């Protein structure tokens, strides 16, 4: 499950934007796909019914308008299916190349963020 902060507010280092693309995911022994839900420079949410344990290392193929990014990530949280939301996993990027980080940042800057910080 996604960790919650004591004040009940999500605190994120990067703004997230909505994106729906098929994401290819590779683990040591499996290949599967899911549908992205949101993206930031720090990671991506992938809607999937596949059970992937927190801490699992994945290699992701993330298609963007200017080409596919291949990045390593780790599952930070999982979300079960509910009436309000699809099940899926939150994946934090690891070893993201600087050029790919810039491509994601540019993509995110061109789209409206899903959430705004309230101070």
PDB file of N, CA and C in Angstrom:
ATOM      1  N   UNK A   1       0.831  -1.181   0.000  1.00  0.00           N
ATOM      2  CA  UNK A   1       0.000   0.000   0.000  1.00  0.00           C
ATOM      3  C   UNK A   1       0.876   1.245   0.000  1.00  0.00           C
ATOM      4  N   UNK A   2       0.350   2.334  -0.510  1.00  0.00           N
ATOM      5  CA  UNK A   2       1.069   3.598  -0.528  1.00  0.00           C
ATOM      6  C   UNK A   2       1.173   4.134   0.887  1.00  0.00           C
ATOM      7  N   UNK A   3       2.381   4.544   1.294  1.00  0.00           N
ATOM      8  CA  UNK A   3       2.521   5.111   2.631  1.00  0.00           C
ATOM      9  C   UNK A   3       1.805   6.450   2.711  1.00  0.00           C
ATOM     10  N   UNK A   4       1.204   6.733   3.852  1.00  0.00           N
ATOM     11  CA  UNK A   4       0.552   8.025   4.017  1.00  0.00           C
ATOM     12  C   UNK A   4       1.347   8.853   5.007  1.00  0.00           C
ATOM     13  N   UNK A   5       1.317  10.161   4.813  1.00  0.00           N
ATOM     14  CA  UNK A   5       2.027  11.052   5.711  1.00  0.00           C
ATOM     15  C   UNK A   5       1.149  11.350   6.914  1.00  0.00           C
ATOM     16  N   UNK A   6       1.733  11.796   8.019  1.00  0.00           N
ATOM     17  CA  UNK A   6       0.958  12.057   9.226  1.00  0.00           C
ATOM     18  C   UNK A   6      -0.157  13.087   9.033  1.00  0.00           C
ATOM     19  N   UNK A   7       0.057  14.064   8.120  1.00  0.00           N
ATOM     20  CA  UNK A   7      -0.966  15.085   7.921  1.00  0.00           C
ATOM     21  C   UNK A   7      -1.976  14.715   6.837  1.00  0.00           C
ATOM     22  N   UNK A   8      -1.829  13.512   6.250  1.00  0.00           N
ATOM     23  CA  UNK A   8      -2.774  13.040   5.248  1.00  0.00           C
ATOM     24  C   UNK A   8      -2.604  13.678   3.879  1.00  0.00           C
ATOM     25  N   UNK A   9      -1.561  14.467   3.685  1.00  0.00           N
ATOM     26  CA  UNK A   9      -1.310  15.151   2.426  1.00  0.00           C
ATOM     27  C   UNK A   9      -0.175  14.438   1.696  1.00  0.00           C
ATOM     28  N   UNK A  10      -0.330  14.301   0.376  1.00  0.00           N
ATOM     29  CA  UNK A  10       0.738  13.708  -0.409  1.00  0.00           C
ATOM     30  C   UNK A  10       1.862  14.722  -0.575  1.00  0.00           C
ATOM     31  N   UNK A  11       3.078  14.310  -0.262  1.00  0.00           N
ATOM     32  CA  UNK A  11       4.249  15.164  -0.448  1.00  0.00           C
ATOM     33  C   UNK A  11       5.124  14.512  -1.502  1.00  0.00           C
ATOM     34  N   UNK A  12       5.307  15.187  -2.641  1.00  0.00           N
ATOM     35  CA  UNK A  12       6.068  14.617  -3.737  1.00  0.00           C
ATOM     36  C   UNK A  12       7.141  15.593  -4.171  1.00  0.00           C
ATOM     37  N   UNK A  13       8.255  15.056  -4.611  1.00  0.00           N
ATOM     38  CA  UNK A  13       9.365  15.897  -5.068  1.00  0.00           C
ATOM     39  C   UNK A  13       9.094  16.458  -6.470  1.00  0.00           C
ATOM     40  N   UNK A  14       8.245  15.775  -7.274  1.00  0.00           N
ATOM     41  CA  UNK A  14       8.005  16.179  -8.648  1.00  0.00           C
ATOM     42  C   UNK A  14       6.510  16.163  -8.940  1.00  0.00           C
ATOM     43  N   UNK A  15       6.052  17.134  -9.722  1.00  0.00           N
ATOM     44  CA  UNK A  15       4.656  17.169 -10.153  1.00  0.00           C
ATOM     45  C   UNK A  15       4.381  15.986 -11.075  1.00  0.00           C
ATOM     46  N   UNK A  16       3.191  15.420 -10.924  1.00  0.00           N
ATOM     47  CA  UNK A  16       2.791  14.300 -11.770  1.00  0.00           C
ATOM     48  C   UNK A  16       1.844  14.783 -12.852  1.00  0.00           C
ATOM     49  N   UNK A  17       1.904  14.136 -14.013  1.00  0.00           N
ATOM     50  CA  UNK A  17       0.991  14.437 -15.108  1.00  0.00           C
ATOM     51  C   UNK A  17       0.351  13.142 -15.574  1.00  0.00           C
ATOM     52  N   UNK A  18      -0.846  13.273 -16.122  1.00  0.00           N
ATOM     53  CA  UNK A  18      -1.574  12.111 -16.624  1.00  0.00           C
ATOM     54  C   UNK A  18      -0.975  11.669 -17.948  1.00  0.00           C
ATOM     55  N   UNK A  19      -0.808  10.379 -18.098  1.00  0.00           N
ATOM     56  CA  UNK A  19      -0.340   9.792 -19.360  1.00  0.00           C
ATOM     57  C   UNK A  19      -0.857   8.365 -19.403  1.00  0.00           C
ATOM     58  N   UNK A  20      -1.452   7.996 -20.526  1.00  0.00           N
ATOM     59  CA  UNK A  20      -1.952   6.635 -20.685  1.00  0.00           C
ATOM     60  C   UNK A  20      -1.268   5.998 -21.891  1.00  0.00           C
ATOM     61  N   UNK A  21      -0.269   5.191 -21.594  1.00  0.00           N
ATOM     62  CA  UNK A  21       0.459   4.442 -22.616  1.00  0.00           C
ATOM     63  C   UNK A  21       0.742   3.049 -22.068  1.00  0.00           C
ATOM     64  N   UNK A  22       0.930   2.096 -22.974  1.00  0.00           N
ATOM     65  CA  UNK A  22       1.312   0.752 -22.557  1.00  0.00           C
ATOM     66  C   UNK A  22       2.767   0.768 -22.119  1.00  0.00           C
ATOM     67  N   UNK A  23       3.004   0.315 -20.894  1.00  0.00           N
ATOM     68  CA  UNK A  23       4.352   0.258 -20.340  1.00  0.00           C
ATOM     69  C   UNK A  23       4.780  -1.201 -20.298  1.00  0.00           C
ATOM     70  N   UNK A  24       5.905  -1.513 -20.930  1.00  0.00           N
ATOM     71  CA  UNK A  24       6.466  -2.850 -20.854  1.00  0.00           C
ATOM     72  C   UNK A  24       7.333  -2.957 -19.610  1.00  0.00           C
ATOM     73  N   UNK A  25       7.173  -4.037 -18.849  1.00  0.00           N
ATOM     74  CA  UNK A  25       7.943  -4.224 -17.622  1.00  0.00           C
ATOM     75  C   UNK A  25       8.603  -5.593 -17.646  1.00  0.00           C
ATOM     76  N   UNK A  26       9.882  -5.602 -17.290  1.00  0.00           N
ATOM     77  CA  UNK A  26      10.661  -6.832 -17.262  1.00  0.00           C
ATOM     78  C   UNK A  26      11.207  -7.010 -15.847  1.00  0.00           C
ATOM     79  N   UNK A  27      11.037  -8.201 -15.291  1.00  0.00           N
ATOM     80  CA  UNK A  27      11.698  -8.543 -14.033  1.00  0.00           C
ATOM     81  C   UNK A  27      12.707  -9.633 -14.356  1.00  0.00           C
ATOM     82  N   UNK A  28      13.331 -10.196 -13.342  1.00  0.00           N
ATOM     83  CA  UNK A  28      14.306 -11.255 -13.584  1.00  0.00           C
ATOM     84  C   UNK A  28      13.714 -12.434 -14.352  1.00  0.00           C
ATOM     85  N   UNK A  29      12.427 -12.706 -14.133  1.00  0.00           N
ATOM     86  CA  UNK A  29      11.854 -13.907 -14.735  1.00  0.00           C
ATOM     87  C   UNK A  29      10.566 -13.671 -15.523  1.00  0.00           C
ATOM     88  N   UNK A  30      10.086 -12.435 -15.613  1.00  0.00           N
ATOM     89  CA  UNK A  30       8.809 -12.193 -16.269  1.00  0.00           C
ATOM     90  C   UNK A  30       8.846 -10.955 -17.161  1.00  0.00           C
ATOM     91  N   UNK A  31       7.967 -10.958 -18.151  1.00  0.00           N
ATOM     92  CA  UNK A  31       7.679  -9.765 -18.947  1.00  0.00           C
ATOM     93  C   UNK A  31       6.177  -9.571 -18.886  1.00  0.00           C
ATOM     94  N   UNK A  32       5.741  -8.357 -18.616  1.00  0.00           N
ATOM     95  CA  UNK A  32       4.319  -8.058 -18.616  1.00  0.00           C
ATOM     96  C   UNK A  32       4.123  -6.590 -18.944  1.00  0.00           C
ATOM     97  N   UNK A  33       2.887  -6.215 -19.224  1.00  0.00           N
ATOM     98  CA  UNK A  33       2.587  -4.834 -19.552  1.00  0.00           C
ATOM     99  C   UNK A  33       1.505  -4.314 -18.631  1.00  0.00           C
ATOM    100  N   UNK A  34       1.419  -3.014 -18.568  1.00  0.00           N
ATOM    101  CA  UNK A  34       0.371  -2.339 -17.829  1.00  0.00           C
ATOM    102  C   UNK A  34       0.119  -1.001 -18.498  1.00  0.00           C
ATOM    103  N   UNK A  35      -0.892  -0.310 -18.036  1.00  0.00           N
ATOM    104  CA  UNK A  35      -1.247   0.997 -18.581  1.00  0.00           C
ATOM    105  C   UNK A  35      -0.830   2.067 -17.594  1.00  0.00           C
ATOM    106  N   UNK A  36       0.006   2.988 -18.049  1.00  0.00           N
ATOM    107  CA  UNK A  36       0.438   4.052 -17.143  1.00  0.00           C
ATOM    108  C   UNK A  36      -0.754   4.916 -16.756  1.00  0.00           C
ATOM    109  N   UNK A  37      -0.661   5.500 -15.569  1.00  0.00           N
ATOM    110  CA  UNK A  37      -1.704   6.398 -15.106  1.00  0.00           C
ATOM    111  C   UNK A  37      -1.176   7.801 -14.934  1.00  0.00           C
ATOM    112  N   UNK A  38      -0.006   7.913 -14.333  1.00  0.00           N
ATOM    113  CA  UNK A  38       0.628   9.213 -14.189  1.00  0.00           C
ATOM    114  C   UNK A  38       2.139   9.047 -14.196  1.00  0.00           C
ATOM    115  N   UNK A  39       2.808  10.155 -14.460  1.00  0.00           N
ATOM    116  CA  UNK A  39       4.250  10.142 -14.638  1.00  0.00           C
ATOM    117  C   UNK A  39       4.845  11.392 -14.015  1.00  0.00           C
ATOM    118  N   UNK A  40       6.019  11.248 -13.428  1.00  0.00           N
ATOM    119  CA  UNK A  40       6.807  12.391 -12.972  1.00  0.00           C
ATOM    120  C   UNK A  40       8.270  12.057 -13.226  1.00  0.00           C
ATOM    121  N   UNK A  41       9.147  13.004 -12.942  1.00  0.00           N
ATOM    122  CA  UNK A  41      10.579  12.743 -13.084  1.00  0.00           C
ATOM    123  C   UNK A  41      11.034  11.656 -12.120  1.00  0.00           C
ATOM    124  N   UNK A  42      10.272  11.434 -11.068  1.00  0.00           N
ATOM    125  CA  UNK A  42      10.665  10.462 -10.061  1.00  0.00           C
ATOM    126  C   UNK A  42      10.144   9.060 -10.270  1.00  0.00           C
ATOM    127  N   UNK A  43       9.084   8.900 -11.078  1.00  0.00           N
ATOM    128  CA  UNK A  43       8.530   7.574 -11.255  1.00  0.00           C
ATOM    129  C   UNK A  43       7.227   7.580 -12.022  1.00  0.00           C
ATOM    130  N   UNK A  44       6.567   6.421 -12.019  1.00  0.00           N
ATOM    131  CA  UNK A  44       5.350   6.237 -12.798  1.00  0.00           C
ATOM    132  C   UNK A  44       4.414   5.299 -12.045  1.00  0.00           C
ATOM    133  N   UNK A  45       3.102   5.550 -12.168  1.00  0.00           N
ATOM    134  CA  UNK A  45       2.109   4.597 -11.693  1.00  0.00           C
ATOM    135  C   UNK A  45       1.712   3.743 -12.882  1.00  0.00           C
ATOM    136  N   UNK A  46       1.660   2.422 -12.684  1.00  0.00           N
ATOM    137  CA  UNK A  46       1.259   1.509 -13.741  1.00  0.00           C
ATOM    138  C   UNK A  46       0.077   0.693 -13.251  1.00  0.00           C
ATOM    139  N   UNK A  47      -1.053   0.817 -13.958  1.00  0.00           N
ATOM    140  CA  UNK A  47      -2.236   0.024 -13.647  1.00  0.00           C
ATOM    141  C   UNK A  47      -2.009  -1.394 -14.160  1.00  0.00           C
ATOM    142  N   UNK A  48      -2.078  -2.362 -13.256  1.00  0.00           N
ATOM    143  CA  UNK A  48      -1.885  -3.759 -13.627  1.00  0.00           C
ATOM    144  C   UNK A  48      -2.533  -4.649 -12.573  1.00  0.00           C
ATOM    145  N   UNK A  49      -3.057  -5.782 -13.008  1.00  0.00           N
ATOM    146  CA  UNK A  49      -3.596  -6.772 -12.075  1.00  0.00           C
ATOM    147  C   UNK A  49      -2.511  -7.741 -11.610  1.00  0.00           C
ATOM    148  N   UNK A  50      -1.329  -7.657 -12.207  1.00  0.00           N
ATOM    149  CA  UNK A  50      -0.228  -8.536 -11.818  1.00  0.00           C
ATOM    150  C   UNK A  50       0.255  -8.141 -10.429  1.00  0.00           C
ATOM    151  N   UNK A  51       0.384  -9.107  -9.544  1.00  0.00           N
ATOM    152  CA  UNK A  51       0.913  -8.846  -8.197  1.00  0.00           C
ATOM    153  C   UNK A  51       2.425  -8.735  -8.279  1.00  0.00           C
ATOM    154  N   UNK A  52       2.929  -7.554  -7.957  1.00  0.00           N
ATOM    155  CA  UNK A  52       4.372  -7.318  -7.971  1.00  0.00           C
ATOM    156  C   UNK A  52       4.740  -6.810  -6.584  1.00  0.00           C
ATOM    157  N   UNK A  53       5.539  -7.539  -5.834  1.00  0.00           N
ATOM    158  CA  UNK A  53       5.850  -7.149  -4.461  1.00  0.00           C
ATOM    159  C   UNK A  53       6.635  -5.841  -4.366  1.00  0.00           C
ATOM    160  N   UNK A  54       6.379  -5.090  -3.309  1.00  0.00           N
ATOM    161  CA  UNK A  54       7.152  -3.892  -3.004  1.00  0.00           C
ATOM    162  C   UNK A  54       8.619  -4.297  -2.901  1.00  0.00           C
ATOM    163  N   UNK A  55       9.485  -3.496  -3.477  1.00  0.00           N
ATOM    164  CA  UNK A  55      10.917  -3.792  -3.475  1.00  0.00           C
ATOM    165  C   UNK A  55      11.390  -4.497  -4.733  1.00  0.00           C
ATOM    166  N   UNK A  56      10.455  -4.969  -5.572  1.00  0.00           N
ATOM    167  CA  UNK A  56      10.839  -5.642  -6.814  1.00  0.00           C
ATOM    168  C   UNK A  56      11.523  -4.670  -7.760  1.00  0.00           C
ATOM    169  N   UNK A  57      12.593  -5.133  -8.390  1.00  0.00           N
ATOM    170  CA  UNK A  57      13.308  -4.345  -9.393  1.00  0.00           C
ATOM    171  C   UNK A  57      12.719  -4.666 -10.761  1.00  0.00           C
ATOM    172  N   UNK A  58      12.471  -3.619 -11.552  1.00  0.00           N
ATOM    173  CA  UNK A  58      11.898  -3.783 -12.878  1.00  0.00           C
ATOM    174  C   UNK A  58      12.676  -2.951 -13.886  1.00  0.00           C
ATOM    175  N   UNK A  59      12.668  -3.401 -15.109  1.00  0.00           N
ATOM    176  CA  UNK A  59      13.135  -2.587 -16.224  1.00  0.00           C
ATOM    177  C   UNK A  59      11.885  -2.196 -16.993  1.00  0.00           C
ATOM    178  N   UNK A  60      11.693  -0.895 -17.207  1.00  0.00           N
ATOM    179  CA  UNK A  60      10.488  -0.399 -17.856  1.00  0.00           C
ATOM    180  C   UNK A  60      10.801   0.179 -19.221  1.00  0.00           C
ATOM    181  N   UNK A  61       9.907  -0.056 -20.169  1.00  0.00           N
ATOM    182  CA  UNK A  61       9.925   0.592 -21.472  1.00  0.00           C
ATOM    183  C   UNK A  61       8.763   1.568 -21.468  1.00  0.00           C
ATOM    184  N   UNK A  62       9.085   2.858 -21.425  1.00  0.00           N
ATOM    185  CA  UNK A  62       8.090   3.912 -21.280  1.00  0.00           C
ATOM    186  C   UNK A  62       8.025   4.728 -22.570  1.00  0.00           C
ATOM    187  N   UNK A  63       6.980   4.518 -23.389  1.00  0.00           N
ATOM    188  CA  UNK A  63       6.897   5.272 -24.637  1.00  0.00           C
ATOM    189  C   UNK A  63       6.455   6.713 -24.411  1.00  0.00           C
ATOM    190  N   UNK A  64       7.229   7.647 -24.926  1.00  0.00           N
ATOM    191  CA  UNK A  64       6.889   9.073 -24.910  1.00  0.00           C
ATOM    192  C   UNK A  64       6.782   9.530 -26.367  1.00  0.00           C
ATOM    193  N   UNK A  65       6.190  10.697 -26.605  1.00  0.00           N
ATOM    194  CA  UNK A  65       6.036  11.153 -27.991  1.00  0.00           C
ATOM    195  C   UNK A  65       7.346  11.233 -28.772  1.00  0.00           C
ATOM    196  N   UNK A  66       8.462  11.495 -28.083  1.00  0.00           N
ATOM    197  CA  UNK A  66       9.750  11.612 -28.789  1.00  0.00           C
ATOM    198  C   UNK A  66      10.573  10.329 -28.750  1.00  0.00           C
ATOM    199  N   UNK A  67       9.961   9.213 -28.357  1.00  0.00           N
ATOM    200  CA  UNK A  67      10.651   7.934 -28.339  1.00  0.00           C
ATOM    201  C   UNK A  67      10.540   7.239 -26.994  1.00  0.00           C
ATOM    202  N   UNK A  68      10.868   5.980 -26.965  1.00  0.00           N
ATOM    203  CA  UNK A  68      10.736   5.164 -25.762  1.00  0.00           C
ATOM    204  C   UNK A  68      11.950   5.330 -24.856  1.00  0.00           C
ATOM    205  N   UNK A  69      11.672   5.437 -23.572  1.00  0.00           N
ATOM    206  CA  UNK A  69      12.720   5.474 -22.548  1.00  0.00           C
ATOM    207  C   UNK A  69      12.767   4.112 -21.883  1.00  0.00           C
ATOM    208  N   UNK A  70      13.960   3.569 -21.757  1.00  0.00           N
ATOM    209  CA  UNK A  70      14.154   2.326 -20.997  1.00  0.00           C
ATOM    210  C   UNK A  70      14.834   2.719 -19.695  1.00  0.00           C
ATOM    211  N   UNK A  71      14.215   2.365 -18.558  1.00  0.00           N
ATOM    212  CA  UNK A  71      14.730   2.799 -17.263  1.00  0.00           C
ATOM    213  C   UNK A  71      14.550   1.689 -16.236  1.00  0.00           C
ATOM    214  N   UNK A  72      15.463   1.631 -15.282  1.00  0.00           N
ATOM    215  CA  UNK A  72      15.337   0.712 -14.161  1.00  0.00           C
ATOM    216  C   UNK A  72      14.510   1.390 -13.080  1.00  0.00           C
ATOM    217  N   UNK A  73      13.697   0.591 -12.383  1.00  0.00           N
ATOM    218  CA  UNK A  73      12.876   1.128 -11.308  1.00  0.00           C
ATOM    219  C   UNK A  73      12.665   0.100 -10.224  1.00  0.00           C
ATOM    220  N   UNK A  74      12.110   0.562  -9.123  1.00  0.00           N
ATOM    221  CA  UNK A  74      11.789  -0.315  -8.003  1.00  0.00           C
ATOM    222  C   UNK A  74      10.359  -0.021  -7.570  1.00  0.00           C
ATOM    223  N   UNK A  75       9.611  -1.082  -7.284  1.00  0.00           N
ATOM    224  CA  UNK A  75       8.231  -0.927  -6.831  1.00  0.00           C
ATOM    225  C   UNK A  75       8.257  -0.381  -5.411  1.00  0.00           C
ATOM    226  N   UNK A  76       7.645   0.790  -5.220  1.00  0.00           N
ATOM    227  CA  UNK A  76       7.614   1.443  -3.905  1.00  0.00           C
ATOM    228  C   UNK A  76       6.312   1.198  -3.164  1.00  0.00           C
ATOM    229  N   UNK A  77       5.212   0.996  -3.906  1.00  0.00           N
ATOM    230  CA  UNK A  77       3.927   0.742  -3.265  1.00  0.00           C
ATOM    231  C   UNK A  77       3.000   0.028  -4.245  1.00  0.00           C
ATOM    232  N   UNK A  78       1.982  -0.600  -3.702  1.00  0.00           N
ATOM    233  CA  UNK A  78       0.977  -1.277  -4.515  1.00  0.00           C
ATOM    234  C   UNK A  78      -0.399  -0.758  -4.130  1.00  0.00           C
ATOM    235  N   UNK A  79      -1.337  -0.872  -5.064  1.00  0.00           N
ATOM    236  CA  UNK A  79      -2.714  -0.462  -4.795  1.00  0.00           C
ATOM    237  C   UNK A  79      -3.644  -1.583  -5.251  1.00  0.00           C
ATOM    238  N   UNK A  80      -4.471  -2.108  -4.345  1.00  0.00           N
ATOM    239  CA  UNK A  80      -5.424  -3.138  -4.746  1.00  0.00           C
ATOM    240  C   UNK A  80      -6.583  -2.515  -5.529  1.00  0.00           C
ATOM    241  N   UNK A  81      -7.322  -3.338  -6.230  1.00  0.00           N
ATOM    242  CA  UNK A  81      -8.495  -2.861  -6.958  1.00  0.00           C
ATOM    243  C   UNK A  81      -9.549  -2.386  -5.965  1.00  0.00           C
ATOM    244  N   UNK A  82     -10.272  -1.347  -6.358  1.00  0.00           N
ATOM    245  CA  UNK A  82     -11.385  -0.847  -5.550  1.00  0.00           C
ATOM    246  C   UNK A  82     -12.441  -0.291  -6.495  1.00  0.00           C
ATOM    247  N   UNK A  83     -13.560   0.120  -5.938  1.00  0.00           N
ATOM    248  CA  UNK A  83     -14.608   0.720  -6.759  1.00  0.00           C
ATOM    249  C   UNK A  83     -14.146   2.031  -7.383  1.00  0.00           C
ATOM    250  N   UNK A  84     -13.196   2.707  -6.714  1.00  0.00           N
ATOM    251  CA  UNK A  84     -12.740   4.024  -7.155  1.00  0.00           C
ATOM    252  C   UNK A  84     -11.489   4.009  -8.020  1.00  0.00           C
ATOM    253  N   UNK A  85     -10.734   2.916  -8.005  1.00  0.00           N
ATOM    254  CA  UNK A  85      -9.443   2.943  -8.684  1.00  0.00           C
ATOM    255  C   UNK A  85      -9.030   1.558  -9.177  1.00  0.00           C
ATOM    256  N   UNK A  86      -8.236   1.564 -10.244  1.00  0.00           N
ATOM    257  CA  UNK A  86      -7.668   0.329 -10.768  1.00  0.00           C
ATOM    258  C   UNK A  86      -6.517  -0.112  -9.872  1.00  0.00           C
ATOM    259  N   UNK A  87      -6.230  -1.419  -9.840  1.00  0.00           N
ATOM    260  CA  UNK A  87      -5.055  -1.864  -9.093  1.00  0.00           C
ATOM    261  C   UNK A  87      -3.793  -1.495  -9.852  1.00  0.00           C
ATOM    262  N   UNK A  88      -2.689  -1.430  -9.136  1.00  0.00           N
ATOM    263  CA  UNK A  88      -1.437  -1.134  -9.822  1.00  0.00           C
ATOM    264  C   UNK A  88      -0.280  -0.965  -8.875  1.00  0.00           C
ATOM    265  N   UNK A  89       0.803  -0.448  -9.436  1.00  0.00           N
ATOM    266  CA  UNK A  89       2.042  -0.296  -8.690  1.00  0.00           C
ATOM    267  C   UNK A  89       2.635   1.087  -8.924  1.00  0.00           C
ATOM    268  N   UNK A  90       3.253   1.623  -7.893  1.00  0.00           N
ATOM    269  CA  UNK A  90       4.016   2.856  -7.997  1.00  0.00           C
ATOM    270  C   UNK A  90       5.478   2.492  -8.125  1.00  0.00           C
ATOM    271  N   UNK A  91       6.097   2.902  -9.215  1.00  0.00           N
ATOM    272  CA  UNK A  91       7.489   2.540  -9.492  1.00  0.00           C
ATOM    273  C   UNK A  91       8.352   3.796  -9.456  1.00  0.00           C
ATOM    274  N   UNK A  92       9.369   3.789  -8.609  1.00  0.00           N
ATOM    275  CA  UNK A  92      10.338   4.887  -8.542  1.00  0.00           C
ATOM    276  C   UNK A  92      11.479   4.582  -9.499  1.00  0.00           C
ATOM    277  N   UNK A  93      11.868   5.586 -10.280  1.00  0.00           N
ATOM    278  CA  UNK A  93      12.977   5.394 -11.212  1.00  0.00           C
ATOM    279  C   UNK A  93      14.296   5.325 -10.461  1.00  0.00           C
ATOM    280  N   UNK A  94      15.183   4.444 -10.928  1.00  0.00           N
ATOM    281  CA  UNK A  94      16.550   4.336 -10.441  1.00  0.00           C
ATOM    282  C   UNK A  94      17.454   4.362 -11.663  1.00  0.00           C
ATOM    283  N   UNK A  95      18.605   4.950 -11.539  1.00  0.00           N
ATOM    284  CA  UNK A  95      19.575   4.986 -12.625  1.00  0.00           C
ATOM    285  C   UNK A  95      18.986   5.596 -13.893  1.00  0.00           C
ATOM    286  N   UNK A  96      18.200   6.672 -13.744  1.00  0.00           N
ATOM    287  CA  UNK A  96      17.628   7.373 -14.887  1.00  0.00           C
ATOM    288  C   UNK A  96      18.706   8.260 -15.506  1.00  0.00           C
ATOM    289  N   UNK A  97      18.990   8.035 -16.770  1.00  0.00           N
ATOM    290  CA  UNK A  97      19.994   8.842 -17.468  1.00  0.00           C
ATOM    291  C   UNK A  97      19.552  10.305 -17.474  1.00  0.00           C
ATOM    292  N   UNK A  98      20.516  11.213 -17.375  1.00  0.00           N
ATOM    293  CA  UNK A  98      20.210  12.647 -17.332  1.00  0.00           C
ATOM    294  C   UNK A  98      19.424  13.084 -18.561  1.00  0.00           C
ATOM    295  N   UNK A  99      19.776  12.596 -19.716  1.00  0.00           N
ATOM    296  CA  UNK A  99      19.039  12.955 -20.938  1.00  0.00           C
ATOM    297  C   UNK A  99      17.584  12.487 -20.852  1.00  0.00           C
ATOM    298  N   UNK A 100      17.358  11.285 -20.321  1.00  0.00           N
ATOM    299  CA  UNK A 100      15.988  10.778 -20.172  1.00  0.00           C
ATOM    300  C   UNK A 100      15.226  11.567 -19.118  1.00  0.00           C
ATOM    301  N   UNK A 101      15.902  11.973 -18.037  1.00  0.00           N
ATOM    302  CA  UNK A 101      15.248  12.796 -17.017  1.00  0.00           C
ATOM    303  C   UNK A 101      14.788  14.111 -17.641  1.00  0.00           C
ATOM    304  N   UNK A 102      15.627  14.694 -18.488  1.00  0.00           N
ATOM    305  CA  UNK A 102      15.268  15.943 -19.158  1.00  0.00           C
ATOM    306  C   UNK A 102      14.090  15.746 -20.098  1.00  0.00           C
ATOM    307  N   UNK A 103      14.056  14.609 -20.792  1.00  0.00           N
ATOM    308  CA  UNK A 103      12.932  14.321 -21.691  1.00  0.00           C
ATOM    309  C   UNK A 103      11.629  14.193 -20.907  1.00  0.00           C
ATOM    310  N   UNK A 104      11.686  13.508 -19.765  1.00  0.00           N
ATOM    311  CA  UNK A 104      10.492  13.372 -18.935  1.00  0.00           C
ATOM    312  C   UNK A 104      10.082  14.733 -18.382  1.00  0.00           C
ATOM    313  N   UNK A 105      11.052  15.521 -17.919  1.00  0.00           N
ATOM    314  CA  UNK A 105      10.758  16.853 -17.382  1.00  0.00           C
ATOM    315  C   UNK A 105      10.103  17.727 -18.449  1.00  0.00           C
ATOM    316  N   UNK A 106      10.616  17.687 -19.660  1.00  0.00           N
ATOM    317  CA  UNK A 106      10.038  18.468 -20.761  1.00  0.00           C
ATOM    318  C   UNK A 106       8.614  18.009 -21.035  1.00  0.00           C
ATOM    319  N   UNK A 107       8.397  16.703 -21.096  1.00  0.00           N
ATOM    320  CA  UNK A 107       7.060  16.168 -21.333  1.00  0.00           C
ATOM    321  C   UNK A 107       6.104  16.630 -20.231  1.00  0.00           C
ATOM    322  N   UNK A 108       6.537  16.516 -18.983  1.00  0.00           N
ATOM    323  CA  UNK A 108       5.683  16.899 -17.849  1.00  0.00           C
ATOM    324  C   UNK A 108       5.395  18.403 -17.848  1.00  0.00           C
ATOM    325  N   UNK A 109       6.383  19.211 -18.254  1.00  0.00           N
ATOM    326  CA  UNK A 109       6.203  20.662 -18.264  1.00  0.00           C
ATOM    327  C   UNK A 109       5.170  21.093 -19.297  1.00  0.00           C
ATOM    328  N   UNK A 110       4.985  20.288 -20.315  1.00  0.00           N
ATOM    329  CA  UNK A 110       4.043  20.620 -21.389  1.00  0.00           C
ATOM    330  C   UNK A 110       2.617  20.188 -21.081  1.00  0.00           C
ATOM    331  N   UNK A 111       2.406  19.515 -19.956  1.00  0.00           N
ATOM    332  CA  UNK A 111       1.076  19.012 -19.597  1.00  0.00           C
ATOM    333  C   UNK A 111       0.649  19.595 -18.263  1.00  0.00           C
ATOM    334  N   UNK A 112      -0.652  19.613 -18.029  1.00  0.00           N
ATOM    335  CA  UNK A 112      -1.183  20.094 -16.755  1.00  0.00           C
ATOM    336  C   UNK A 112      -0.893  19.067 -15.664  1.00  0.00           C
ATOM    337  N   UNK A 113      -0.408  19.507 -14.493  1.00  0.00           N
ATOM    338  CA  UNK A 113      -0.171  18.559 -13.397  1.00  0.00           C
ATOM    339  C   UNK A 113      -1.485  18.011 -12.854  1.00  0.00           C
ATOM    340  N   UNK A 114      -1.425  16.799 -12.298  1.00  0.00           N
ATOM    341  CA  UNK A 114      -2.610  16.185 -11.686  1.00  0.00           C
ATOM    342  C   UNK A 114      -2.940  16.820 -10.358  1.00  0.00           C
ATOM    343  N   UNK A 115      -1.922  17.216  -9.614  1.00  0.00           N
ATOM    344  CA  UNK A 115      -2.104  17.757  -8.268  1.00  0.00           C
ATOM    345  C   UNK A 115      -1.267  19.013  -8.121  1.00  0.00           C
ATOM    346  N   UNK A 116      -1.734  19.907  -7.322  1.00  0.00           N
ATOM    347  CA  UNK A 116      -1.000  21.136  -7.029  1.00  0.00           C
ATOM    348  C   UNK A 116      -0.658  21.167  -5.553  1.00  0.00           C
ATOM    349  N   UNK A 117       0.534  21.664  -5.235  1.00  0.00           N
ATOM    350  CA  UNK A 117       0.921  21.830  -3.837  1.00  0.00           C
ATOM    351  C   UNK A 117       0.103  22.950  -3.222  1.00  0.00           C
ATOM    352  N   UNK A 118      -0.371  22.728  -2.026  1.00  0.00           N
ATOM    353  CA  UNK A 118      -1.110  23.756  -1.299  1.00  0.00           C
ATOM    354  C   UNK A 118      -0.313  24.084  -0.049  1.00  0.00           C
ATOM    355  N   UNK A 119       0.093  25.336   0.085  1.00  0.00           N
ATOM    356  CA  UNK A 119       0.876  25.735   1.243  1.00  0.00           C
ATOM    357  C   UNK A 119       0.037  26.547   2.185  1.00  0.00           C
TER     358      UNK A 119
END
